[in-house]
PDB file of N, CA and C in Angstrom:
ATOM      1  N   MET A   1       0.851  -1.164   0.000  1.00  0.00           N
ATOM      2  CA  MET A   1       0.000   0.000   0.000  1.00  0.00           C
ATOM      3  C   MET A   1       0.899   1.230   0.000  1.00  0.00           C
ATOM      4  N   LEU A   2       0.550   2.176  -0.813  1.00  0.00           N
ATOM      5  CA  LEU A   2       1.299   3.422  -0.913  1.00  0.00           C
ATOM      6  C   LEU A   2       0.370   4.575  -0.569  1.00  0.00           C
ATOM      7  N   CYS A   3       0.730   5.345   0.452  1.00  0.00           N
ATOM      8  CA  CYS A   3      -0.039   6.538   0.843  1.00  0.00           C
ATOM      9  C   CYS A   3       0.757   7.763   0.410  1.00  0.00           C
ATOM     10  N   LEU A   4       0.100   8.652  -0.318  1.00  0.00           N
ATOM     11  CA  LEU A   4       0.753   9.851  -0.822  1.00  0.00           C
ATOM     12  C   LEU A   4       0.096  11.097  -0.262  1.00  0.00           C
ATOM     13  N   TYR A   5       0.918  12.072   0.121  1.00  0.00           N
ATOM     14  CA  TYR A   5       0.418  13.383   0.500  1.00  0.00           C
ATOM     15  C   TYR A   5       1.479  14.397   0.101  1.00  0.00           C
ATOM     16  N   VAL A   6       1.219  15.136  -0.941  1.00  0.00           N
ATOM     17  CA  VAL A   6       2.141  16.120  -1.519  1.00  0.00           C
ATOM     18  C   VAL A   6       3.494  15.454  -1.798  1.00  0.00           C
ATOM     19  N   ASP A   7       4.491  15.679  -0.922  1.00  0.00           N
ATOM     20  CA  ASP A   7       5.801  15.062  -1.158  1.00  0.00           C
ATOM     21  C   ASP A   7       6.143  14.021  -0.101  1.00  0.00           C
ATOM     22  N   ASP A   8       5.190  13.625   0.716  1.00  0.00           N
ATOM     23  CA  ASP A   8       5.397  12.575   1.710  1.00  0.00           C
ATOM     24  C   ASP A   8       4.783  11.279   1.202  1.00  0.00           C
ATOM     25  N   HIS A   9       5.523  10.205   1.341  1.00  0.00           N
ATOM     26  CA  HIS A   9       5.074   8.895   0.894  1.00  0.00           C
ATOM     27  C   HIS A   9       5.225   7.901   2.034  1.00  0.00           C
ATOM     28  N   LEU A  10       4.269   7.038   2.161  1.00  0.00           N
ATOM     29  CA  LEU A  10       4.313   5.978   3.166  1.00  0.00           C
ATOM     30  C   LEU A  10       4.041   4.664   2.450  1.00  0.00           C
ATOM     31  N   VAL A  11       4.956   3.713   2.606  1.00  0.00           N
ATOM     32  CA  VAL A  11       4.809   2.403   1.985  1.00  0.00           C
ATOM     33  C   VAL A  11       4.624   1.388   3.097  1.00  0.00           C
ATOM     34  N   THR A  12       3.584   0.573   2.982  1.00  0.00           N
ATOM     35  CA  THR A  12       3.324  -0.453   3.990  1.00  0.00           C
ATOM     36  C   THR A  12       2.788  -1.701   3.317  1.00  0.00           C
ATOM     37  N   GLY A  13       2.855  -2.806   4.014  1.00  0.00           N
ATOM     38  CA  GLY A  13       2.362  -4.057   3.459  1.00  0.00           C
ATOM     39  C   GLY A  13       2.668  -5.225   4.370  1.00  0.00           C
ATOM     40  N   ASP A  14       2.319  -6.418   3.908  1.00  0.00           N
ATOM     41  CA  ASP A  14       2.511  -7.631   4.697  1.00  0.00           C
ATOM     42  C   ASP A  14       3.903  -8.228   4.540  1.00  0.00           C
ATOM     43  N   SER A  15       4.560  -7.957   3.421  1.00  0.00           N
ATOM     44  CA  SER A  15       5.840  -8.586   3.114  1.00  0.00           C
ATOM     45  C   SER A  15       6.959  -7.553   3.118  1.00  0.00           C
ATOM     46  N   LYS A  16       7.915  -7.730   4.020  1.00  0.00           N
ATOM     47  CA  LYS A  16       9.049  -6.808   4.083  1.00  0.00           C
ATOM     48  C   LYS A  16       9.877  -6.881   2.807  1.00  0.00           C
ATOM     49  N   GLN A  17       9.988  -8.077   2.214  1.00  0.00           N
ATOM     50  CA  GLN A  17      10.764  -8.225   0.983  1.00  0.00           C
ATOM     51  C   GLN A  17      10.131  -7.421  -0.154  1.00  0.00           C
ATOM     52  N   GLU A  18       8.811  -7.469  -0.279  1.00  0.00           N
ATOM     53  CA  GLU A  18       8.141  -6.709  -1.337  1.00  0.00           C
ATOM     54  C   GLU A  18       8.257  -5.206  -1.108  1.00  0.00           C
ATOM     55  N   ILE A  19       8.182  -4.788   0.147  1.00  0.00           N
ATOM     56  CA  ILE A  19       8.340  -3.363   0.458  1.00  0.00           C
ATOM     57  C   ILE A  19       9.744  -2.908   0.081  1.00  0.00           C
ATOM     58  N   ASP A  20      10.770  -3.701   0.473  1.00  0.00           N
ATOM     59  CA  ASP A  20      12.152  -3.338   0.146  1.00  0.00           C
ATOM     60  C   ASP A  20      12.366  -3.294  -1.364  1.00  0.00           C
ATOM     61  N   MET A  21      11.785  -4.247  -2.081  1.00  0.00           N
ATOM     62  CA  MET A  21      11.912  -4.289  -3.536  1.00  0.00           C
ATOM     63  C   MET A  21      11.254  -3.050  -4.170  1.00  0.00           C
ATOM     64  N   PHE A  22      10.057  -2.689  -3.673  1.00  0.00           N
ATOM     65  CA  PHE A  22       9.353  -1.517  -4.192  1.00  0.00           C
ATOM     66  C   PHE A  22      10.162  -0.248  -3.927  1.00  0.00           C
ATOM     67  N   LYS A  23      10.705  -0.115  -2.704  1.00  0.00           N
ATOM     68  CA  LYS A  23      11.495   1.071  -2.372  1.00  0.00           C
ATOM     69  C   LYS A  23      12.751   1.157  -3.245  1.00  0.00           C
ATOM     70  N   LYS A  24      13.386   0.020  -3.512  1.00  0.00           N
ATOM     71  CA  LYS A  24      14.572   0.022  -4.365  1.00  0.00           C
ATOM     72  C   LYS A  24      14.224   0.480  -5.776  1.00  0.00           C
ATOM     73  N   GLU A  25      13.104  -0.018  -6.307  1.00  0.00           N
ATOM     74  CA  GLU A  25      12.673   0.391  -7.644  1.00  0.00           C
ATOM     75  C   GLU A  25      12.376   1.889  -7.693  1.00  0.00           C
ATOM     76  N   MET A  26      11.739   2.401  -6.657  1.00  0.00           N
ATOM     77  CA  MET A  26      11.430   3.834  -6.605  1.00  0.00           C
ATOM     78  C   MET A  26      12.707   4.666  -6.495  1.00  0.00           C
ATOM     79  N   MET A  27      13.682   4.199  -5.700  1.00  0.00           N
ATOM     80  CA  MET A  27      14.945   4.933  -5.543  1.00  0.00           C
ATOM     81  C   MET A  27      15.771   4.919  -6.822  1.00  0.00           C
ATOM     82  N   ASP A  28      15.632   3.839  -7.593  1.00  0.00           N
ATOM     83  CA  ASP A  28      16.339   3.785  -8.887  1.00  0.00           C
ATOM     84  C   ASP A  28      15.760   4.796  -9.866  1.00  0.00           C
ATOM     85  N   GLU A  29      14.467   5.037  -9.788  1.00  0.00           N
ATOM     86  CA  GLU A  29      13.784   5.915 -10.734  1.00  0.00           C
ATOM     87  C   GLU A  29      13.742   7.375 -10.275  1.00  0.00           C
ATOM     88  N   PHE A  30      13.584   7.589  -8.955  1.00  0.00           N
ATOM     89  CA  PHE A  30      13.411   8.941  -8.412  1.00  0.00           C
ATOM     90  C   PHE A  30      14.417   9.197  -7.296  1.00  0.00           C
ATOM     91  N   GLU A  31      14.601  10.488  -6.990  1.00  0.00           N
ATOM     92  CA  GLU A  31      15.462  10.855  -5.878  1.00  0.00           C
ATOM     93  C   GLU A  31      14.629  10.808  -4.595  1.00  0.00           C
ATOM     94  N   ILE A  32      14.833   9.750  -3.827  1.00  0.00           N
ATOM     95  CA  ILE A  32      14.014   9.494  -2.633  1.00  0.00           C
ATOM     96  C   ILE A  32      14.936   9.199  -1.460  1.00  0.00           C
ATOM     97  N   SER A  33      14.545   9.689  -0.274  1.00  0.00           N
ATOM     98  CA  SER A  33      15.283   9.328   0.938  1.00  0.00           C
ATOM     99  C   SER A  33      14.379   8.443   1.797  1.00  0.00           C
ATOM    100  N   ASP A  34      14.972   7.414   2.348  1.00  0.00           N
ATOM    101  CA  ASP A  34      14.249   6.469   3.192  1.00  0.00           C
ATOM    102  C   ASP A  34      14.560   6.805   4.643  1.00  0.00           C
ATOM    103  N   ILE A  35      13.527   7.175   5.430  1.00  0.00           N
ATOM    104  CA  ILE A  35      13.753   7.524   6.838  1.00  0.00           C
ATOM    105  C   ILE A  35      13.534   6.340   7.763  1.00  0.00           C
ATOM    106  N   GLY A  36      13.277   5.171   7.205  1.00  0.00           N
ATOM    107  CA  GLY A  36      13.130   3.969   8.022  1.00  0.00           C
ATOM    108  C   GLY A  36      11.704   3.780   8.513  1.00  0.00           C
ATOM    109  N   ILE A  37      11.583   3.091   9.624  1.00  0.00           N
ATOM    110  CA  ILE A  37      10.262   2.816  10.188  1.00  0.00           C
ATOM    111  C   ILE A  37       9.680   4.111  10.736  1.00  0.00           C
ATOM    112  N   ILE A  38       8.471   4.400  10.337  1.00  0.00           N
ATOM    113  CA  ILE A  38       7.831   5.672  10.670  1.00  0.00           C
ATOM    114  C   ILE A  38       7.012   5.545  11.957  1.00  0.00           C
ATOM    115  N   THR A  39       6.964   6.625  12.713  1.00  0.00           N
ATOM    116  CA  THR A  39       6.136   6.638  13.921  1.00  0.00           C
ATOM    117  C   THR A  39       4.962   7.602  13.788  1.00  0.00           C
ATOM    118  N   TYR A  40       5.118   8.653  12.969  1.00  0.00           N
ATOM    119  CA  TYR A  40       4.031   9.606  12.737  1.00  0.00           C
ATOM    120  C   TYR A  40       3.911   9.864  11.242  1.00  0.00           C
ATOM    121  N   PHE A  41       2.671   9.980  10.755  1.00  0.00           N
ATOM    122  CA  PHE A  41       2.415  10.342   9.361  1.00  0.00           C
ATOM    123  C   PHE A  41       1.166  11.199   9.331  1.00  0.00           C
ATOM    124  N   LEU A  42       1.316  12.457   8.922  1.00  0.00           N
ATOM    125  CA  LEU A  42       0.211  13.420   8.846  1.00  0.00           C
ATOM    126  C   LEU A  42      -0.508  13.565  10.180  1.00  0.00           C
ATOM    127  N   GLY A  43       0.248  13.570  11.263  1.00  0.00           N
ATOM    128  CA  GLY A  43      -0.328  13.757  12.589  1.00  0.00           C
ATOM    129  C   GLY A  43      -0.929  12.509  13.201  1.00  0.00           C
ATOM    130  N   ILE A  44      -0.786  11.367  12.530  1.00  0.00           N
ATOM    131  CA  ILE A  44      -1.331  10.109  13.035  1.00  0.00           C
ATOM    132  C   ILE A  44      -0.181   9.278  13.580  1.00  0.00           C
ATOM    133  N   LYS A  45      -0.310   8.823  14.827  1.00  0.00           N
ATOM    134  CA  LYS A  45       0.715   7.977  15.426  1.00  0.00           C
ATOM    135  C   LYS A  45       0.527   6.549  14.921  1.00  0.00           C
ATOM    136  N   LEU A  46       1.600   5.982  14.415  1.00  0.00           N
ATOM    137  CA  LEU A  46       1.560   4.626  13.872  1.00  0.00           C
ATOM    138  C   LEU A  46       2.341   3.689  14.772  1.00  0.00           C
ATOM    139  N   SER A  47       1.868   2.456  14.868  1.00  0.00           N
ATOM    140  CA  SER A  47       2.520   1.470  15.718  1.00  0.00           C
ATOM    141  C   SER A  47       2.565   0.140  14.986  1.00  0.00           C
ATOM    142  N   THR A  48       3.635  -0.612  15.215  1.00  0.00           N
ATOM    143  CA  THR A  48       3.753  -1.933  14.610  1.00  0.00           C
ATOM    144  C   THR A  48       2.989  -2.981  15.402  1.00  0.00           C
ATOM    145  N   GLY A  49       2.533  -2.631  16.574  1.00  0.00           N
ATOM    146  CA  GLY A  49       1.795  -3.576  17.409  1.00  0.00           C
ATOM    147  C   GLY A  49       2.696  -4.346  18.345  1.00  0.00           C
ATOM    148  N   GLU A  50       4.004  -4.212  18.198  1.00  0.00           N
ATOM    149  CA  GLU A  50       4.935  -4.936  19.055  1.00  0.00           C
ATOM    150  C   GLU A  50       4.980  -4.360  20.463  1.00  0.00           C
ATOM    151  N   ASP A  51       4.637  -3.075  20.615  1.00  0.00           N
ATOM    152  CA  ASP A  51       4.680  -2.440  21.925  1.00  0.00           C
ATOM    153  C   ASP A  51       3.318  -2.436  22.620  1.00  0.00           C
ATOM    154  N   THR A  52       2.390  -3.254  22.143  1.00  0.00           N
ATOM    155  CA  THR A  52       1.049  -3.307  22.705  1.00  0.00           C
ATOM    156  C   THR A  52       1.068  -4.092  24.007  1.00  0.00           C
ATOM    157  N   ASN A  53       0.574  -3.477  25.084  1.00  0.00           N
ATOM    158  CA  ASN A  53       0.499  -4.163  26.382  1.00  0.00           C
ATOM    159  C   ASN A  53      -0.878  -4.750  26.558  1.00  0.00           C
ATOM    160  N   LEU A  54      -0.973  -6.073  26.551  1.00  0.00           N
ATOM    161  CA  LEU A  54      -2.257  -6.738  26.747  1.00  0.00           C
ATOM    162  C   LEU A  54      -2.624  -6.715  28.221  1.00  0.00           C
ATOM    163  N   VAL A  55      -3.926  -6.640  28.484  1.00  0.00           N
ATOM    164  CA  VAL A  55      -4.429  -6.651  29.854  1.00  0.00           C
ATOM    165  C   VAL A  55      -5.247  -7.925  30.065  1.00  0.00           C
ATOM    166  N   ASP A  56      -5.638  -8.177  31.297  1.00  0.00           N
ATOM    167  CA  ASP A  56      -6.424  -9.355  31.638  1.00  0.00           C
ATOM    168  C   ASP A  56      -7.769  -9.289  30.917  1.00  0.00           C
ATOM    169  N   SER A  57      -7.994 -10.220  29.998  1.00  0.00           N
ATOM    170  CA  SER A  57      -9.209 -10.170  29.189  1.00  0.00           C
ATOM    171  C   SER A  57     -10.457 -10.474  30.014  1.00  0.00           C
ATOM    172  N   THR A  58     -10.334 -11.277  31.068  1.00  0.00           N
ATOM    173  CA  THR A  58     -11.497 -11.577  31.918  1.00  0.00           C
ATOM    174  C   THR A  58     -11.964 -10.319  32.638  1.00  0.00           C
ATOM    175  N   LEU A  59     -11.027  -9.594  33.214  1.00  0.00           N
ATOM    176  CA  LEU A  59     -11.367  -8.339  33.891  1.00  0.00           C
ATOM    177  C   LEU A  59     -11.977  -7.348  32.909  1.00  0.00           C
ATOM    178  N   TYR A  60     -11.393  -7.261  31.712  1.00  0.00           N
ATOM    179  CA  TYR A  60     -11.895  -6.339  30.695  1.00  0.00           C
ATOM    180  C   TYR A  60     -13.321  -6.709  30.285  1.00  0.00           C
ATOM    181  N   ARG A  61     -13.574  -8.002  30.070  1.00  0.00           N
ATOM    182  CA  ARG A  61     -14.925  -8.437  29.682  1.00  0.00           C
ATOM    183  C   ARG A  61     -15.935  -8.151  30.779  1.00  0.00           C
ATOM    184  N   GLN A  62     -15.537  -8.313  32.042  1.00  0.00           N
ATOM    185  CA  GLN A  62     -16.448  -7.993  33.149  1.00  0.00           C
ATOM    186  C   GLN A  62     -16.785  -6.504  33.160  1.00  0.00           C
ATOM    187  N   LEU A  63     -15.779  -5.668  32.940  1.00  0.00           N
ATOM    188  CA  LEU A  63     -15.997  -4.224  32.902  1.00  0.00           C
ATOM    189  C   LEU A  63     -16.914  -3.840  31.750  1.00  0.00           C
ATOM    190  N   ILE A  64     -16.667  -4.394  30.574  1.00  0.00           N
ATOM    191  CA  ILE A  64     -17.491  -4.083  29.409  1.00  0.00           C
ATOM    192  C   ILE A  64     -18.914  -4.600  29.610  1.00  0.00           C
ATOM    193  N   GLY A  65     -19.066  -5.772  30.211  1.00  0.00           N
ATOM    194  CA  GLY A  65     -20.394  -6.295  30.497  1.00  0.00           C
ATOM    195  C   GLY A  65     -21.175  -5.382  31.418  1.00  0.00           C
ATOM    196  N   SER A  66     -20.499  -4.847  32.421  1.00  0.00           N
ATOM    197  CA  SER A  66     -21.158  -3.901  33.331  1.00  0.00           C
ATOM    198  C   SER A  66     -21.542  -2.615  32.603  1.00  0.00           C
ATOM    199  N   LEU A  67     -20.667  -2.134  31.753  1.00  0.00           N
ATOM    200  CA  LEU A  67     -20.979  -0.926  30.989  1.00  0.00           C
ATOM    201  C   LEU A  67     -22.142  -1.165  30.024  1.00  0.00           C
ATOM    202  N   ARG A  68     -22.187  -2.353  29.411  1.00  0.00           N
ATOM    203  CA  ARG A  68     -23.290  -2.658  28.491  1.00  0.00           C
ATOM    204  C   ARG A  68     -24.618  -2.725  29.252  1.00  0.00           C
ATOM    205  N   TYR A  69     -24.598  -3.254  30.458  1.00  0.00           N
ATOM    206  CA  TYR A  69     -25.800  -3.281  31.283  1.00  0.00           C
ATOM    207  C   TYR A  69     -26.219  -1.855  31.632  1.00  0.00           C
ATOM    208  N   LEU A  70     -25.245  -1.012  31.926  1.00  0.00           N
ATOM    209  CA  LEU A  70     -25.525   0.378  32.277  1.00  0.00           C
ATOM    210  C   LEU A  70     -26.136   1.145  31.117  1.00  0.00           C
ATOM    211  N   CYS A  71     -25.877   0.705  29.889  1.00  0.00           N
ATOM    212  CA  CYS A  71     -26.438   1.372  28.708  1.00  0.00           C
ATOM    213  C   CYS A  71     -27.968   1.345  28.704  1.00  0.00           C
ATOM    214  N   ASN A  72     -28.580   0.400  29.431  1.00  0.00           N
ATOM    215  CA  ASN A  72     -30.043   0.344  29.490  1.00  0.00           C
ATOM    216  C   ASN A  72     -30.635   1.602  30.107  1.00  0.00           C
ATOM    217  N   SER A  73     -29.921   2.194  31.040  1.00  0.00           N
ATOM    218  CA  SER A  73     -30.424   3.407  31.670  1.00  0.00           C
ATOM    219  C   SER A  73     -29.620   4.645  31.292  1.00  0.00           C
ATOM    220  N   ARG A  74     -28.488   4.472  30.652  1.00  0.00           N
ATOM    221  CA  ARG A  74     -27.643   5.595  30.253  1.00  0.00           C
ATOM    222  C   ARG A  74     -27.362   5.511  28.761  1.00  0.00           C
ATOM    223  N   SER A  75     -28.313   5.950  27.957  1.00  0.00           N
ATOM    224  CA  SER A  75     -28.158   5.844  26.504  1.00  0.00           C
ATOM    225  C   SER A  75     -27.064   6.759  25.960  1.00  0.00           C
ATOM    226  N   ASP A  76     -26.594   7.712  26.755  1.00  0.00           N
ATOM    227  CA  ASP A  76     -25.551   8.622  26.290  1.00  0.00           C
ATOM    228  C   ASP A  76     -24.185   7.954  26.148  1.00  0.00           C
ATOM    229  N   ILE A  77     -24.013   6.766  26.700  1.00  0.00           N
ATOM    230  CA  ILE A  77     -22.729   6.081  26.589  1.00  0.00           C
ATOM    231  C   ILE A  77     -22.781   4.890  25.631  1.00  0.00           C
ATOM    232  N   THR A  78     -23.903   4.687  24.975  1.00  0.00           N
ATOM    233  CA  THR A  78     -24.095   3.499  24.137  1.00  0.00           C
ATOM    234  C   THR A  78     -23.060   3.410  23.020  1.00  0.00           C
ATOM    235  N   TYR A  79     -22.807   4.484  22.324  1.00  0.00           N
ATOM    236  CA  TYR A  79     -21.864   4.458  21.207  1.00  0.00           C
ATOM    237  C   TYR A  79     -20.452   4.117  21.697  1.00  0.00           C
ATOM    238  N   GLU A  80     -20.018   4.784  22.749  1.00  0.00           N
ATOM    239  CA  GLU A  80     -18.672   4.577  23.262  1.00  0.00           C
ATOM    240  C   GLU A  80     -18.483   3.159  23.784  1.00  0.00           C
ATOM    241  N   VAL A  81     -19.490   2.646  24.471  1.00  0.00           N
ATOM    242  CA  VAL A  81     -19.412   1.274  24.974  1.00  0.00           C
ATOM    243  C   VAL A  81     -19.365   0.290  23.804  1.00  0.00           C
ATOM    244  N   GLY A  82     -20.092   0.591  22.752  1.00  0.00           N
ATOM    245  CA  GLY A  82     -20.029  -0.243  21.559  1.00  0.00           C
ATOM    246  C   GLY A  82     -18.636  -0.275  20.950  1.00  0.00           C
ATOM    247  N   LEU A  83     -17.954   0.867  20.980  1.00  0.00           N
ATOM    248  CA  LEU A  83     -16.590   0.913  20.443  1.00  0.00           C
ATOM    249  C   LEU A  83     -15.628   0.057  21.258  1.00  0.00           C
ATOM    250  N   VAL A  84     -15.655   0.216  22.585  1.00  0.00           N
ATOM    251  CA  VAL A  84     -14.715  -0.561  23.403  1.00  0.00           C
ATOM    252  C   VAL A  84     -15.099  -2.038  23.457  1.00  0.00           C
ATOM    253  N   SER A  85     -16.333  -2.369  23.107  1.00  0.00           N
ATOM    254  CA  SER A  85     -16.757  -3.774  23.093  1.00  0.00           C
ATOM    255  C   SER A  85     -16.111  -4.566  21.973  1.00  0.00           C
ATOM    256  N   ARG A  86     -15.584  -3.895  20.983  1.00  0.00           N
ATOM    257  CA  ARG A  86     -14.982  -4.577  19.843  1.00  0.00           C
ATOM    258  C   ARG A  86     -13.683  -5.292  20.181  1.00  0.00           C
ATOM    259  N   PHE A  87     -13.105  -4.983  21.324  1.00  0.00           N
ATOM    260  CA  PHE A  87     -11.765  -5.470  21.639  1.00  0.00           C
ATOM    261  C   PHE A  87     -11.750  -6.468  22.789  1.00  0.00           C
ATOM    262  N   MET A  88     -12.844  -7.193  22.983  1.00  0.00           N
ATOM    263  CA  MET A  88     -12.928  -8.096  24.124  1.00  0.00           C
ATOM    264  C   MET A  88     -12.044  -9.335  23.971  1.00  0.00           C
ATOM    265  N   LYS A  89     -11.679  -9.710  22.769  1.00  0.00           N
ATOM    266  CA  LYS A  89     -10.860 -10.907  22.583  1.00  0.00           C
ATOM    267  C   LYS A  89      -9.420 -10.680  23.043  1.00  0.00           C
ATOM    268  N   LYS A  90      -8.804  -9.578  22.604  1.00  0.00           N
ATOM    269  CA  LYS A  90      -7.421  -9.271  22.973  1.00  0.00           C
ATOM    270  C   LYS A  90      -7.311  -7.795  23.354  1.00  0.00           C
ATOM    271  N   PRO A  91      -7.829  -7.410  24.515  1.00  0.00           N
ATOM    272  CA  PRO A  91      -7.766  -5.995  24.898  1.00  0.00           C
ATOM    273  C   PRO A  91      -6.349  -5.582  25.292  1.00  0.00           C
ATOM    274  N   CYS A  92      -5.991  -4.363  24.924  1.00  0.00           N
ATOM    275  CA  CYS A  92      -4.687  -3.835  25.329  1.00  0.00           C
ATOM    276  C   CYS A  92      -4.908  -2.697  26.333  1.00  0.00           C
ATOM    277  N   LYS A  93      -3.809  -2.157  26.782  1.00  0.00           N
ATOM    278  CA  LYS A  93      -3.851  -1.112  27.807  1.00  0.00           C
ATOM    279  C   LYS A  93      -4.692   0.094  27.369  1.00  0.00           C
ATOM    280  N   ASP A  94      -4.584   0.488  26.103  1.00  0.00           N
ATOM    281  CA  ASP A  94      -5.346   1.640  25.612  1.00  0.00           C
ATOM    282  C   ASP A  94      -6.852   1.388  25.647  1.00  0.00           C
ATOM    283  N   HIS A  95      -7.273   0.154  25.372  1.00  0.00           N
ATOM    284  CA  HIS A  95      -8.697  -0.177  25.424  1.00  0.00           C
ATOM    285  C   HIS A  95      -9.213  -0.091  26.861  1.00  0.00           C
ATOM    286  N   LEU A  96      -8.412  -0.589  27.806  1.00  0.00           N
ATOM    287  CA  LEU A  96      -8.808  -0.503  29.217  1.00  0.00           C
ATOM    288  C   LEU A  96      -8.886   0.952  29.667  1.00  0.00           C
ATOM    289  N   LEU A  97      -7.947   1.767  29.226  1.00  0.00           N
ATOM    290  CA  LEU A  97      -7.982   3.193  29.582  1.00  0.00           C
ATOM    291  C   LEU A  97      -9.225   3.874  29.016  1.00  0.00           C
ATOM    292  N   ALA A  98      -9.632   3.504  27.814  1.00  0.00           N
ATOM    293  CA  ALA A  98     -10.844   4.077  27.221  1.00  0.00           C
ATOM    294  C   ALA A  98     -12.076   3.662  28.018  1.00  0.00           C
ATOM    295  N   ALA A  99     -12.136   2.405  28.446  1.00  0.00           N
ATOM    296  CA  ALA A  99     -13.273   1.937  29.250  1.00  0.00           C
ATOM    297  C   ALA A  99     -13.303   2.646  30.595  1.00  0.00           C
ATOM    298  N   LYS A 100     -12.139   2.857  31.194  1.00  0.00           N
ATOM    299  CA  LYS A 100     -12.082   3.580  32.472  1.00  0.00           C
ATOM    300  C   LYS A 100     -12.507   5.035  32.305  1.00  0.00           C
ATOM    301  N   ARG A 101     -12.215   5.613  31.144  1.00  0.00           N
ATOM    302  CA  ARG A 101     -12.640   6.989  30.883  1.00  0.00           C
ATOM    303  C   ARG A 101     -14.167   7.083  30.843  1.00  0.00           C
ATOM    304  N   ILE A 102     -14.802   6.056  30.277  1.00  0.00           N
ATOM    305  CA  ILE A 102     -16.271   6.017  30.266  1.00  0.00           C
ATOM    306  C   ILE A 102     -16.788   5.957  31.697  1.00  0.00           C
ATOM    307  N   LEU A 103     -16.142   5.148  32.539  1.00  0.00           N
ATOM    308  CA  LEU A 103     -16.548   5.067  33.947  1.00  0.00           C
ATOM    309  C   LEU A 103     -16.396   6.421  34.644  1.00  0.00           C
ATOM    310  N   ARG A 104     -15.310   7.133  34.366  1.00  0.00           N
ATOM    311  CA  ARG A 104     -15.127   8.460  34.972  1.00  0.00           C
ATOM    312  C   ARG A 104     -16.208   9.429  34.506  1.00  0.00           C
ATOM    313  N   TYR A 105     -16.597   9.328  33.238  1.00  0.00           N
ATOM    314  CA  TYR A 105     -17.676  10.168  32.724  1.00  0.00           C
ATOM    315  C   TYR A 105     -18.981   9.866  33.459  1.00  0.00           C
ATOM    316  N   VAL A 106     -19.274   8.585  33.634  1.00  0.00           N
ATOM    317  CA  VAL A 106     -20.507   8.193  34.333  1.00  0.00           C
ATOM    318  C   VAL A 106     -20.483   8.718  35.761  1.00  0.00           C
ATOM    319  N   LYS A 107     -19.361   8.572  36.437  1.00  0.00           N
ATOM    320  CA  LYS A 107     -19.245   9.064  37.818  1.00  0.00           C
ATOM    321  C   LYS A 107     -19.467  10.575  37.896  1.00  0.00           C
ATOM    322  N   GLY A 108     -18.952  11.301  36.908  1.00  0.00           N
ATOM    323  CA  GLY A 108     -19.085  12.758  36.914  1.00  0.00           C
ATOM    324  C   GLY A 108     -20.458  13.261  36.503  1.00  0.00           C
ATOM    325  N   THR A 109     -21.297  12.387  35.956  1.00  0.00           N
ATOM    326  CA  THR A 109     -22.620  12.818  35.491  1.00  0.00           C
ATOM    327  C   THR A 109     -23.746  12.062  36.194  1.00  0.00           C
ATOM    328  N   LEU A 110     -23.499  11.592  37.408  1.00  0.00           N
ATOM    329  CA  LEU A 110     -24.525  10.835  38.150  1.00  0.00           C
ATOM    330  C   LEU A 110     -25.770  11.663  38.433  1.00  0.00           C
ATOM    331  N   GLU A 111     -25.607  12.967  38.579  1.00  0.00           N
ATOM    332  CA  GLU A 111     -26.734  13.831  38.923  1.00  0.00           C
ATOM    333  C   GLU A 111     -27.579  14.223  37.718  1.00  0.00           C
ATOM    334  N   TYR A 112     -27.098  13.925  36.513  1.00  0.00           N
ATOM    335  CA  TYR A 112     -27.848  14.269  35.311  1.00  0.00           C
ATOM    336  C   TYR A 112     -28.883  13.198  35.018  1.00  0.00           C
ATOM    337  N   GLY A 113     -29.899  13.569  34.306  1.00  0.00           N
ATOM    338  CA  GLY A 113     -30.922  12.584  33.919  1.00  0.00           C
ATOM    339  C   GLY A 113     -31.911  13.169  32.936  1.00  0.00           C
ATOM    340  N   ILE A 114     -32.826  12.339  32.517  1.00  0.00           N
ATOM    341  CA  ILE A 114     -33.875  12.746  31.611  1.00  0.00           C
ATOM    342  C   ILE A 114     -35.202  12.535  32.330  1.00  0.00           C
ATOM    343  N   LEU A 115     -36.046  13.539  32.305  1.00  0.00           N
ATOM    344  CA  LEU A 115     -37.357  13.461  32.940  1.00  0.00           C
ATOM    345  C   LEU A 115     -38.412  13.253  31.878  1.00  0.00           C
ATOM    346  N   PHE A 116     -39.125  12.151  31.981  1.00  0.00           N
ATOM    347  CA  PHE A 116     -40.211  11.847  31.059  1.00  0.00           C
ATOM    348  C   PHE A 116     -41.524  12.151  31.762  1.00  0.00           C
ATOM    349  N   LEU A 117     -42.290  13.075  31.216  1.00  0.00           N
ATOM    350  CA  LEU A 117     -43.579  13.424  31.805  1.00  0.00           C
ATOM    351  C   LEU A 117     -44.668  12.573  31.163  1.00  0.00           C
ATOM    352  N   ALA A 118     -45.595  12.128  31.982  1.00  0.00           N
ATOM    353  CA  ALA A 118     -46.701  11.325  31.477  1.00  0.00           C
ATOM    354  C   ALA A 118     -47.664  12.214  30.689  1.00  0.00           C
ATOM    355  N   ALA A 119     -48.165  11.688  29.608  1.00  0.00           N
ATOM    356  CA  ALA A 119     -49.116  12.437  28.781  1.00  0.00           C
ATOM    357  C   ALA A 119     -50.480  12.487  29.490  1.00  0.00           C
ATOM    358  N   LYS A 120     -51.162  13.611  29.383  1.00  0.00           N
ATOM    359  CA  LYS A 120     -52.482  13.760  30.023  1.00  0.00           C
ATOM    360  C   LYS A 120     -53.596  13.457  29.068  1.00  0.00           C
TER     361      LYS A 120
END
């Protein structure tokens, strides 16, 4: 895959050999400098996944289950809980931090609510 933005190029793929071959062909044809493995591209932080810290999946699933139950009375967190629910198989530290942020939001908004008036 080749991502282009003005004069910045990002090459990525599944095969390191194919990436190296593509970069060599491009360097033969054009004046290009290779800066190696990239960490940021257009303000987006990129990771190879090797530095991912996995957390206890049982604890994470219990937390997400509680948040999903809470969605019955707190519809304002439904979207966010749906997002963090996607990572129940192999949750990492960032997923747990996102779930904890939802809990902090709930704690800070305990006094808020919706009042439904009965129709006359």
